[in-house]
C-alpha atoms as a PDB file:
ATOM      1  CA  MET A   1      -3.550  -2.436 -23.181  1.00  0.00           C
ATOM      2  CA  THR A   2      -1.719   0.542 -21.666  1.00  0.00           C
ATOM      3  CA  ILE A   3      -1.659   1.973 -18.175  1.00  0.00           C
ATOM      4  CA  ARG A   4      -4.597   4.176 -18.910  1.00  0.00           C
ATOM      5  CA  ILE A   5      -6.941   1.257 -18.241  1.00  0.00           C
ATOM      6  CA  LEU A   6      -6.230   1.665 -14.509  1.00  0.00           C
ATOM      7  CA  ALA A   7      -5.463   5.364 -14.453  1.00  0.00           C
ATOM      8  CA  ILE A   8      -8.066   7.920 -13.503  1.00  0.00           C
ATOM      9  CA  VAL A   9      -8.494  10.000 -16.619  1.00  0.00           C
ATOM     10  CA  SER A  10     -10.684  12.856 -17.758  1.00  0.00           C
ATOM     11  CA  LEU A  11     -12.730  12.134 -20.879  1.00  0.00           C
ATOM     12  CA  SER A  12     -15.116  14.268 -22.898  1.00  0.00           C
ATOM     13  CA  MET A  13     -18.621  12.856 -23.042  1.00  0.00           C
ATOM     14  CA  PHE A  14     -20.104  12.565 -26.547  1.00  0.00           C
ATOM     15  CA  LEU A  15     -23.818  11.858 -26.912  1.00  0.00           C
ATOM     16  CA  MET A  16     -25.233  10.040 -29.904  1.00  0.00           C
ATOM     17  CA  ALA A  17     -27.987  12.288 -31.192  1.00  0.00           C
ATOM     18  CA  SER A  18     -28.420  11.284 -34.809  1.00  0.00           C
ATOM     19  CA  SER A  19     -32.160  11.854 -34.637  1.00  0.00           C
ATOM     20  CA  CYS A  20     -31.789  15.493 -33.626  1.00  0.00           C
ATOM     21  CA  LYS A  21     -31.925  18.295 -36.123  1.00  0.00           C
ATOM     22  CA  GLU A  22     -29.008  20.691 -36.361  1.00  0.00           C
ATOM     23  CA  ASP A  23     -30.944  23.432 -34.586  1.00  0.00           C
ATOM     24  CA  ASP A  24     -32.167  21.157 -31.794  1.00  0.00           C
ATOM     25  CA  PRO A  25     -30.659  21.819 -28.370  1.00  0.00           C
ATOM     26  CA  THR A  26     -28.035  19.319 -27.272  1.00  0.00           C
ATOM     27  CA  PRO A  27     -29.625  16.775 -24.908  1.00  0.00           C
ATOM     28  CA  GLU A  28     -28.410  17.143 -21.351  1.00  0.00           C
ATOM     29  CA  TYR A  29     -26.301  14.279 -20.079  1.00  0.00           C
ATOM     30  CA  LYS A  30     -27.257  13.634 -16.477  1.00  0.00           C
ATOM     31  CA  ILE A  31     -24.822  11.733 -14.303  1.00  0.00           C
ATOM     32  CA  LYS A  32     -26.558   9.266 -12.016  1.00  0.00           C
ATOM     33  CA  ASP A  33     -26.866  10.030  -8.339  1.00  0.00           C
ATOM     34  CA  ARG A  34     -24.014   8.210  -6.625  1.00  0.00           C
ATOM     35  CA  VAL A  35     -25.944   7.288  -3.479  1.00  0.00           C
ATOM     36  CA  LYS A  36     -28.881   5.794  -5.390  1.00  0.00           C
ATOM     37  CA  GLU A  37     -26.667   4.052  -7.944  1.00  0.00           C
ATOM     38  CA  TYR A  38     -24.734   2.257  -5.216  1.00  0.00           C
ATOM     39  CA  ASN A  39     -27.462   1.584  -2.641  1.00  0.00           C
ATOM     40  CA  ASP A  40     -30.263   0.726  -5.079  1.00  0.00           C
ATOM     41  CA  VAL A  41     -28.365  -0.991  -7.892  1.00  0.00           C
ATOM     42  CA  GLU A  42     -24.707  -1.886  -7.504  1.00  0.00           C
ATOM     43  CA  LYS A  43     -24.628  -3.103  -3.921  1.00  0.00           C
ATOM     44  CA  ASP A  44     -27.163  -5.850  -4.639  1.00  0.00           C
ATOM     45  CA  SER A  45     -25.621  -6.815  -7.984  1.00  0.00           C
ATOM     46  CA  ILE A  46     -22.159  -7.140  -6.431  1.00  0.00           C
ATOM     47  CA  GLU A  47     -23.423  -9.245  -3.535  1.00  0.00           C
ATOM     48  CA  SER A  48     -25.432 -11.440  -5.905  1.00  0.00           C
ATOM     49  CA  TYR A  49     -22.346 -12.029  -8.040  1.00  0.00           C
ATOM     50  CA  MET A  50     -20.298 -12.992  -4.986  1.00  0.00           C
ATOM     51  CA  GLN A  51     -23.006 -15.345  -3.732  1.00  0.00           C
ATOM     52  CA  THR A  52     -23.407 -17.146  -7.065  1.00  0.00           C
ATOM     53  CA  HIS A  53     -19.761 -17.432  -8.141  1.00  0.00           C
ATOM     54  CA  TYR A  54     -16.685 -19.221  -6.896  1.00  0.00           C
ATOM     55  CA  TYR A  55     -13.026 -19.119  -7.865  1.00  0.00           C
ATOM     56  CA  THR A  56     -10.175 -21.568  -8.284  1.00  0.00           C
ATOM     57  CA  LEU A  57      -6.420 -20.942  -8.299  1.00  0.00           C
ATOM     58  CA  ASP A  58      -3.544 -22.616 -10.045  1.00  0.00           C
ATOM     59  CA  ALA A  59      -0.033 -22.925  -8.620  1.00  0.00           C
ATOM     60  CA  GLN A  60       0.866 -19.415  -9.844  1.00  0.00           C
ATOM     61  CA  TYR A  61      -2.225 -17.827  -8.251  1.00  0.00           C
ATOM     62  CA  ASN A  62      -3.978 -17.353 -11.578  1.00  0.00           C
ATOM     63  CA  VAL A  63      -7.722 -17.066 -10.999  1.00  0.00           C
ATOM     64  CA  THR A  64     -10.630 -18.745 -12.736  1.00  0.00           C
ATOM     65  CA  VAL A  65     -14.163 -17.674 -11.751  1.00  0.00           C
ATOM     66  CA  ASP A  66     -17.281 -19.673 -12.556  1.00  0.00           C
ATOM     67  CA  THR A  67     -20.938 -19.958 -11.590  1.00  0.00           C
ATOM     68  CA  ILE A  68     -21.751 -22.208  -8.647  1.00  0.00           C
ATOM     69  CA  ASP A  69     -23.445 -25.467  -9.486  1.00  0.00           C
ATOM     70  CA  PRO A  70     -26.429 -25.798  -7.140  1.00  0.00           C
ATOM     71  CA  ALA A  71     -25.719 -29.516  -6.942  1.00  0.00           C
ATOM     72  CA  GLY A  72     -22.032 -28.973  -6.258  1.00  0.00           C
ATOM     73  CA  SER A  73     -20.048 -28.198  -3.134  1.00  0.00           C
ATOM     74  CA  GLN A  74     -18.169 -25.062  -4.203  1.00  0.00           C
ATOM     75  CA  THR A  75     -17.674 -22.247  -1.694  1.00  0.00           C
ATOM     76  CA  SER A  76     -18.964 -18.939  -2.977  1.00  0.00           C
ATOM     77  CA  ILE A  77     -16.825 -15.819  -2.994  1.00  0.00           C
ATOM     78  CA  TRP A  78     -19.283 -14.387  -0.470  1.00  0.00           C
ATOM     79  CA  ASP A  79     -18.694 -17.282   1.936  1.00  0.00           C
ATOM     80  CA  ASP A  80     -14.923 -17.413   1.512  1.00  0.00           C
ATOM     81  CA  PRO A  81     -13.425 -17.287   5.028  1.00  0.00           C
ATOM     82  CA  ASN A  82     -10.601 -15.050   3.764  1.00  0.00           C
ATOM     83  CA  LEU A  83     -12.928 -12.386   2.344  1.00  0.00           C
ATOM     84  CA  GLN A  84     -12.085  -8.914   3.661  1.00  0.00           C
ATOM     85  CA  THR A  85     -14.299  -5.819   3.536  1.00  0.00           C
ATOM     86  CA  LEU A  86     -13.026  -2.243   3.508  1.00  0.00           C
ATOM     87  CA  HIS A  87     -15.438   0.603   4.185  1.00  0.00           C
ATOM     88  CA  VAL A  88     -14.347   3.423   1.902  1.00  0.00           C
ATOM     89  CA  LYS A  89     -15.831   6.899   1.705  1.00  0.00           C
ATOM     90  CA  ASP A  90     -16.822   8.157  -1.711  1.00  0.00           C
ATOM     91  CA  PRO A  91     -14.269  10.811  -2.751  1.00  0.00           C
ATOM     92  CA  LYS A  92     -17.087  13.112  -3.910  1.00  0.00           C
ATOM     93  CA  VAL A  93     -20.022  12.411  -1.565  1.00  0.00           C
ATOM     94  CA  ASP A  94     -19.522  12.794   2.185  1.00  0.00           C
ATOM     95  CA  ASN A  95     -22.390  10.558   3.348  1.00  0.00           C
ATOM     96  CA  LEU A  96     -21.684   7.622   1.023  1.00  0.00           C
ATOM     97  CA  VAL A  97     -19.557   4.690   2.180  1.00  0.00           C
ATOM     98  CA  TYR A  98     -18.807   1.752  -0.115  1.00  0.00           C
ATOM     99  CA  ASP A  99     -18.111  -1.863   0.722  1.00  0.00           C
ATOM    100  CA  LEU A 100     -14.880  -2.704  -1.102  1.00  0.00           C
ATOM    101  CA  TYR A 101     -14.108  -6.433  -1.038  1.00  0.00           C
ATOM    102  CA  TYR A 102     -10.842  -8.253  -1.435  1.00  0.00           C
ATOM    103  CA  ILE A 103      -9.444 -11.726  -0.876  1.00  0.00           C
ATOM    104  CA  PRO A 104      -5.738 -12.137  -0.087  1.00  0.00           C
ATOM    105  CA  PHE A 105      -4.537 -15.351  -1.679  1.00  0.00           C
ATOM    106  CA  ARG A 106      -1.150 -14.507  -0.164  1.00  0.00           C
ATOM    107  CA  THR A 107      -0.099 -11.175   1.321  1.00  0.00           C
ATOM    108  CA  GLY A 108       3.531 -11.303   0.163  1.00  0.00           C
ATOM    109  CA  ASP A 109       6.827 -11.874   1.925  1.00  0.00           C
ATOM    110  CA  ASN A 110       8.992  -8.839   1.286  1.00  0.00           C
ATOM    111  CA  LYS A 111       8.314  -5.098   1.552  1.00  0.00           C
ATOM    112  CA  GLN A 112       5.043  -3.487   2.648  1.00  0.00           C
ATOM    113  CA  ILE A 113       3.475  -1.469  -0.155  1.00  0.00           C
ATOM    114  CA  HIS A 114       2.329   2.127   0.452  1.00  0.00           C
ATOM    115  CA  LYS A 115      -0.406   3.923  -1.471  1.00  0.00           C
ATOM    116  CA  MET A 116       2.179   6.413  -2.764  1.00  0.00           C
ATOM    117  CA  ASP A 117       4.431   3.723  -4.229  1.00  0.00           C
ATOM    118  CA  LYS A 118       4.906   2.424  -7.733  1.00  0.00           C
ATOM    119  CA  VAL A 119       4.219  -1.295  -8.113  1.00  0.00           C
ATOM    120  CA  LEU A 120       5.028  -3.816 -10.819  1.00  0.00           C
ATOM    121  CA  VAL A 121       1.884  -5.894 -11.243  1.00  0.00           C
ATOM    122  CA  ALA A 122       0.368  -8.655 -13.310  1.00  0.00           C
ATOM    123  CA  TYR A 123      -3.422  -8.544 -13.337  1.00  0.00           C
ATOM    124  CA  LYS A 124      -6.705  -9.423 -15.003  1.00  0.00           C
ATOM    125  CA  GLY A 125      -9.899  -7.370 -14.913  1.00  0.00           C
ATOM    126  CA  TRP A 126     -13.448  -8.466 -15.694  1.00  0.00           C
ATOM    127  CA  LEU A 127     -17.050  -7.338 -15.358  1.00  0.00           C
ATOM    128  CA  LEU A 128     -19.950  -8.924 -13.465  1.00  0.00           C
ATOM    129  CA  ASN A 129     -20.864 -10.818 -16.632  1.00  0.00           C
ATOM    130  CA  ASN A 130     -17.358 -12.382 -16.463  1.00  0.00           C
ATOM    131  CA  GLU A 131     -16.259 -10.575 -19.635  1.00  0.00           C
ATOM    132  CA  VAL A 132     -12.531  -9.817 -19.402  1.00  0.00           C
ATOM    133  CA  PHE A 133     -11.745  -6.210 -20.328  1.00  0.00           C
ATOM    134  CA  ASP A 134      -7.990  -6.175 -19.747  1.00  0.00           C
ATOM    135  CA  GLU A 135      -5.117  -8.453 -18.765  1.00  0.00           C
ATOM    136  CA  ARG A 136      -1.367  -8.282 -18.215  1.00  0.00           C
ATOM    137  CA  ILE A 137      -0.047 -11.795 -17.816  1.00  0.00           C
ATOM    138  CA  ASP A 138       2.949 -12.790 -15.705  1.00  0.00           C
ATOM    139  CA  ASN A 139       5.570 -12.402 -18.410  1.00  0.00           C
ATOM    140  CA  LEU A 140       4.269  -8.943 -19.386  1.00  0.00           C
ATOM    141  CA  PRO A 141       3.752  -7.101 -16.067  1.00  0.00           C
ATOM    142  CA  ILE A 142       3.333  -3.338 -15.937  1.00  0.00           C
ATOM    143  CA  TRP A 143       4.315  -0.591 -13.489  1.00  0.00           C
ATOM    144  CA  PHE A 144       1.416   1.254 -11.804  1.00  0.00           C
ATOM    145  CA  ASP A 145       1.897   4.487  -9.891  1.00  0.00           C
ATOM    146  CA  LEU A 146      -0.657   3.950  -7.121  1.00  0.00           C
ATOM    147  CA  SER A 147      -1.172   7.697  -6.724  1.00  0.00           C
ATOM    148  CA  LYS A 148      -2.662   7.739 -10.239  1.00  0.00           C
ATOM    149  CA  VAL A 149      -4.860   4.642 -10.367  1.00  0.00           C
ATOM    150  CA  ILE A 150      -8.485   4.132  -9.389  1.00  0.00           C
ATOM    151  CA  LYS A 151      -9.252   4.456  -5.693  1.00  0.00           C
ATOM    152  CA  ALA A 152     -10.095   0.767  -5.297  1.00  0.00           C
ATOM    153  CA  TRP A 153      -6.469  -0.107  -6.092  1.00  0.00           C
ATOM    154  CA  GLN A 154      -5.172   2.616  -3.795  1.00  0.00           C
ATOM    155  CA  GLU A 155      -7.138   1.130  -0.917  1.00  0.00           C
ATOM    156  CA  VAL A 156      -6.488  -2.591  -1.498  1.00  0.00           C
ATOM    157  CA  ILE A 157      -2.909  -2.936  -2.792  1.00  0.00           C
ATOM    158  CA  PRO A 158      -1.296  -1.364   0.340  1.00  0.00           C
ATOM    159  CA  ASN A 159      -2.620  -4.349   2.291  1.00  0.00           C
ATOM    160  CA  PHE A 160      -0.051  -6.481   0.458  1.00  0.00           C
ATOM    161  CA  LYS A 161       3.710  -6.812   0.257  1.00  0.00           C
ATOM    162  CA  ASP A 162       5.840  -7.288  -2.808  1.00  0.00           C
ATOM    163  CA  GLY A 163       8.128 -10.184  -3.628  1.00  0.00           C
ATOM    164  CA  THR A 164      11.708 -10.653  -4.744  1.00  0.00           C
ATOM    165  CA  TYR A 165      13.098 -11.431  -8.153  1.00  0.00           C
ATOM    166  CA  THR A 166      16.140 -12.901  -9.863  1.00  0.00           C
ATOM    167  CA  ASP A 167      17.475 -11.845 -13.240  1.00  0.00           C
ATOM    168  CA  ASN A 168      17.910 -14.857 -15.511  1.00  0.00           C
ATOM    169  CA  GLY A 169      20.321 -12.941 -17.710  1.00  0.00           C
ATOM    170  CA  ASP A 170      18.282 -13.501 -20.856  1.00  0.00           C
ATOM    171  CA  GLY A 171      15.767 -10.707 -20.425  1.00  0.00           C
ATOM    172  CA  THR A 172      13.488 -12.770 -18.176  1.00  0.00           C
ATOM    173  CA  PHE A 173      12.996 -12.671 -14.412  1.00  0.00           C
ATOM    174  CA  ASN A 174      11.770 -15.066 -11.769  1.00  0.00           C
ATOM    175  CA  PHE A 175       9.454 -13.624  -9.102  1.00  0.00           C
ATOM    176  CA  THR A 176       8.906 -15.272  -5.735  1.00  0.00           C
ATOM    177  CA  GLY A 177       7.159 -14.355  -2.501  1.00  0.00           C
ATOM    178  CA  TYR A 178       4.897 -11.759  -4.137  1.00  0.00           C
ATOM    179  CA  GLY A 179       1.433 -10.811  -2.962  1.00  0.00           C
ATOM    180  CA  ALA A 180      -1.620 -12.065  -4.825  1.00  0.00           C
ATOM    181  CA  GLY A 181      -5.316 -11.445  -4.443  1.00  0.00           C
ATOM    182  CA  MET A 182      -8.649 -10.457  -5.913  1.00  0.00           C
ATOM    183  CA  LEU A 183     -10.742  -7.325  -5.391  1.00  0.00           C
ATOM    184  CA  ILE A 184     -14.356  -6.446  -6.188  1.00  0.00           C
ATOM    185  CA  THR A 185     -15.258  -2.778  -6.363  1.00  0.00           C
ATOM    186  CA  PRO A 186     -18.345  -0.682  -7.057  1.00  0.00           C
ATOM    187  CA  SER A 187     -18.026   1.763  -9.936  1.00  0.00           C
ATOM    188  CA  GLY A 188     -17.791   4.703  -7.534  1.00  0.00           C
ATOM    189  CA  LEU A 189     -14.273   3.559  -6.632  1.00  0.00           C
ATOM    190  CA  GLY A 190     -13.552   2.828 -10.284  1.00  0.00           C
ATOM    191  CA  TYR A 191     -14.587   4.890 -13.299  1.00  0.00           C
ATOM    192  CA  TYR A 192     -18.254   5.543 -12.473  1.00  0.00           C
ATOM    193  CA  GLU A 193     -19.812   7.449 -15.415  1.00  0.00           C
ATOM    194  CA  LEU A 194     -16.666   7.344 -17.557  1.00  0.00           C
ATOM    195  CA  MET A 195     -16.587   4.665 -20.234  1.00  0.00           C
ATOM    196  CA  GLN A 196     -13.163   3.021 -20.563  1.00  0.00           C
ATOM    197  CA  ASN A 197     -12.522   0.947 -23.675  1.00  0.00           C
ATOM    198  CA  LYS A 198     -14.451  -2.264 -22.900  1.00  0.00           C
ATOM    199  CA  ILE A 199     -15.770  -0.962 -19.569  1.00  0.00           C
ATOM    200  CA  PRO A 200     -19.303   0.509 -19.767  1.00  0.00           C
ATOM    201  CA  ALA A 201     -20.284   3.400 -17.523  1.00  0.00           C
ATOM    202  CA  TYR A 202     -21.443   2.478 -14.001  1.00  0.00           C
ATOM    203  CA  SER A 203     -19.667  -0.882 -14.023  1.00  0.00           C
ATOM    204  CA  PRO A 204     -18.566  -2.687 -10.866  1.00  0.00           C
ATOM    205  CA  LEU A 205     -15.173  -4.266 -11.522  1.00  0.00           C
ATOM    206  CA  ILE A 206     -13.326  -7.399 -10.442  1.00  0.00           C
ATOM    207  CA  PHE A 207      -9.539  -7.703 -10.564  1.00  0.00           C
ATOM    208  CA  SER A 208      -7.104 -10.464  -9.772  1.00  0.00           C
ATOM    209  CA  PHE A 209      -3.581  -9.187  -9.230  1.00  0.00           C
ATOM    210  CA  LYS A 210      -0.015  -9.975  -8.194  1.00  0.00           C
ATOM    211  CA  SER A 211       2.171  -7.359  -6.492  1.00  0.00           C
ATOM    212  CA  LEU A 212       5.538  -8.399  -7.892  1.00  0.00           C
ATOM    213  CA  VAL A 213       7.910  -5.519  -7.048  1.00  0.00           C
ATOM    214  CA  ASP A 214       7.434  -2.303  -5.068  1.00  0.00           C
ATOM    215  CA  ASP A 215       9.275   0.968  -5.799  1.00  0.00           C
ATOM    216  CA  ASP A 216       9.129   3.123  -2.662  1.00  0.00           C
ATOM    217  CA  ASP A 217      11.448   5.822  -4.047  1.00  0.00           C
ATOM    218  CA  ILE A 218      10.100   6.873  -7.440  1.00  0.00           C
ATOM    219  CA  ASP A 219      12.606   9.665  -8.099  1.00  0.00           C
ATOM    220  CA  ASN A 220      15.604   7.704  -6.722  1.00  0.00           C
ATOM    221  CA  ASP A 221      16.629  10.481  -4.327  1.00  0.00           C
ATOM    222  CA  ASN A 222      16.953   8.236  -1.242  1.00  0.00           C
ATOM    223  CA  VAL A 223      13.813   9.756   0.268  1.00  0.00           C
ATOM    224  CA  LYS A 224      10.929   7.283   0.424  1.00  0.00           C
ATOM    225  CA  ASN A 225       7.707   8.214  -1.333  1.00  0.00           C
ATOM    226  CA  ILE A 226       5.822   8.270   1.967  1.00  0.00           C
ATOM    227  CA  ASP A 227       8.311  10.804   3.358  1.00  0.00           C
ATOM    228  CA  GLU A 228       7.866  13.113   0.353  1.00  0.00           C
ATOM    229  CA  ASP A 229       4.403  13.952   1.737  1.00  0.00           C
ATOM    230  CA  LEU A 230       5.792  16.707   3.941  1.00  0.00           C
ATOM    231  CA  ASN A 231       2.476  18.027   5.257  1.00  0.00           C
ATOM    232  CA  GLN A 232       1.203  14.465   5.787  1.00  0.00           C
ATOM    233  CA  ASP A 233      -2.166  15.185   4.218  1.00  0.00           C
ATOM    234  CA  GLY A 234      -2.099  12.110   1.998  1.00  0.00           C
ATOM    235  CA  ASP A 235      -1.683  14.201  -1.154  1.00  0.00           C
ATOM    236  CA  ILE A 236       1.771  13.933  -2.730  1.00  0.00           C
ATOM    237  CA  PHE A 237       0.985  16.461  -5.425  1.00  0.00           C
ATOM    238  CA  ASN A 238       0.834  19.536  -3.157  1.00  0.00           C
ATOM    239  CA  ASP A 239       4.360  19.134  -1.758  1.00  0.00           C
ATOM    240  CA  ASP A 240       6.689  21.178  -3.985  1.00  0.00           C
ATOM    241  CA  THR A 241       9.456  22.724  -1.915  1.00  0.00           C
ATOM    242  CA  ASP A 242      11.215  24.628  -4.710  1.00  0.00           C
ATOM    243  CA  LYS A 243       7.943  25.667  -6.423  1.00  0.00           C
ATOM    244  CA  ASP A 244       9.111  24.358  -9.801  1.00  0.00           C
ATOM    245  CA  LYS A 245       5.725  22.691 -10.422  1.00  0.00           C
ATOM    246  CA  ILE A 246       7.304  19.255  -9.956  1.00  0.00           C
ATOM    247  CA  PRO A 247       6.070  17.561  -6.750  1.00  0.00           C
ATOM    248  CA  ASN A 248       8.895  16.428  -4.495  1.00  0.00           C
ATOM    249  CA  ILE A 249       8.029  12.782  -5.112  1.00  0.00           C
ATOM    250  CA  TYR A 250       9.066  13.230  -8.767  1.00  0.00           C
ATOM    251  CA  ASP A 251      11.805  15.854  -8.183  1.00  0.00           C
ATOM    252  CA  SER A 252      15.396  14.650  -7.751  1.00  0.00           C
ATOM    253  CA  ASP A 253      16.402  18.119  -6.422  1.00  0.00           C
ATOM    254  CA  ASP A 254      13.675  18.982  -3.943  1.00  0.00           C
ATOM    255  CA  ASP A 255      14.989  22.390  -2.862  1.00  0.00           C
ATOM    256  CA  GLY A 256      16.149  23.453  -6.325  1.00  0.00           C
ATOM    257  CA  ASP A 257      19.670  24.381  -5.217  1.00  0.00           C
ATOM    258  CA  GLY A 258      21.400  22.509  -8.036  1.00  0.00           C
ATOM    259  CA  VAL A 259      22.517  19.649  -5.772  1.00  0.00           C
ATOM    260  CA  LEU A 260      20.672  16.353  -6.096  1.00  0.00           C
ATOM    261  CA  THR A 261      18.707  15.393  -3.014  1.00  0.00           C
ATOM    262  CA  LYS A 262      20.569  12.086  -2.702  1.00  0.00           C
ATOM    263  CA  ASP A 263      23.860  14.022  -2.583  1.00  0.00           C
ATOM    264  CA  GLU A 264      22.740  16.232   0.323  1.00  0.00           C
ATOM    265  CA  ASP A 265      23.673  13.456   2.735  1.00  0.00           C
ATOM    266  CA  ALA A 266      26.276  15.151   4.943  1.00  0.00           C
ATOM    267  CA  ASN A 267      26.718  12.278   7.395  1.00  0.00           C
ATOM    268  CA  GLY A 268      26.924   9.670   4.637  1.00  0.00           C
ATOM    269  CA  ASP A 269      24.325   7.312   6.093  1.00  0.00           C
ATOM    270  CA  GLY A 270      22.306   7.180   2.872  1.00  0.00           C
ATOM    271  CA  ASP A 271      19.410   9.166   4.363  1.00  0.00           C
ATOM    272  CA  PRO A 272      19.171  12.860   3.373  1.00  0.00           C
ATOM    273  CA  THR A 273      16.254  13.480   5.744  1.00  0.00           C
ATOM    274  CA  ASN A 274      18.401  13.582   8.908  1.00  0.00           C
ATOM    275  CA  ASP A 275      21.057  16.085   7.749  1.00  0.00           C
ATOM    276  CA  ASP A 276      20.701  19.698   8.960  1.00  0.00           C
ATOM    277  CA  SER A 277      24.097  21.353   8.548  1.00  0.00           C
ATOM    278  CA  ASP A 278      23.107  24.848   9.726  1.00  0.00           C
ATOM    279  CA  GLY A 279      20.854  23.650  12.565  1.00  0.00           C
ATOM    280  CA  ASP A 280      17.844  25.662  11.450  1.00  0.00           C
ATOM    281  CA  GLY A 281      15.443  22.739  11.692  1.00  0.00           C
ATOM    282  CA  THR A 282      15.199  22.285   7.917  1.00  0.00           C
ATOM    283  CA  PRO A 283      17.013  19.282   6.417  1.00  0.00           C
ATOM    284  CA  ASP A 284      19.673  20.212   3.878  1.00  0.00           C
ATOM    285  CA  TYR A 285      17.771  18.601   1.014  1.00  0.00           C
ATOM    286  CA  LEU A 286      14.860  20.985   1.632  1.00  0.00           C
ATOM    287  CA  ASP A 287      17.058  24.003   2.458  1.00  0.00           C
ATOM    288  CA  PRO A 288      18.436  25.897  -0.600  1.00  0.00           C
ATOM    289  CA  ASP A 289      20.931  27.696   1.689  1.00  0.00           C
ATOM    290  CA  THR A 290      22.846  24.504   2.501  1.00  0.00           C
ATOM    291  CA  HIS A 291      24.493  22.057   0.124  1.00  0.00           C
END
């Protein structure tokens, strides 16, 4: 699988209408009401799944989920003492708030992850029927730009830290101290009406994940991703100082003066954000008049 499984994408909707004549009008595809879909359908189905299933972990925090045996003594996901609930507003409906659940198996030991960062992850995703729709195992992790993935990931992953790694010199790496957890999200914070490969429309999703490495400077300009959001509105795509249609977070020359941002470090402390050579209140790396 590729990164598109977790990226928010725009797809054309094709309706199967083999019974329609050529001159028949195209049937209208009606997207379900988000409030009713969550409150009347998905909320109960998610809670029922959590109440009737439990999970086990191996030494590497790999997750196995199974149905509770009524005669057994397993603790349900719903009753797990580590279960956390985030209340997240629907990005399209003002009066709709979702319960987004996650369980931190371990939060991680190294660097706090931000929702604008890029994270190397291993993960597995499955549906409420326990059918796995995608997986990237430990030895084949993948980088995810959190600004481009589904909202459930944007909300949960920043509650974790990354780990550290050692290069074995043979093309393999050892990861330690990483974060690991599981999240359960309604479709409104996932793909909702969009069908994704093995994911049907309107599907709540469950993911287990490991936050192996965090990249907090995507364009390697010595300005952290969080600091590239100049207007602090939480949207990194509307900050484009030199108006070259490349947001600052992906632009290695933010002011377009021909000098790389990382080289506009007049005091040599490795931080371009605190250098203002002409004293006009604009750091050199955002000021095309200073180099």
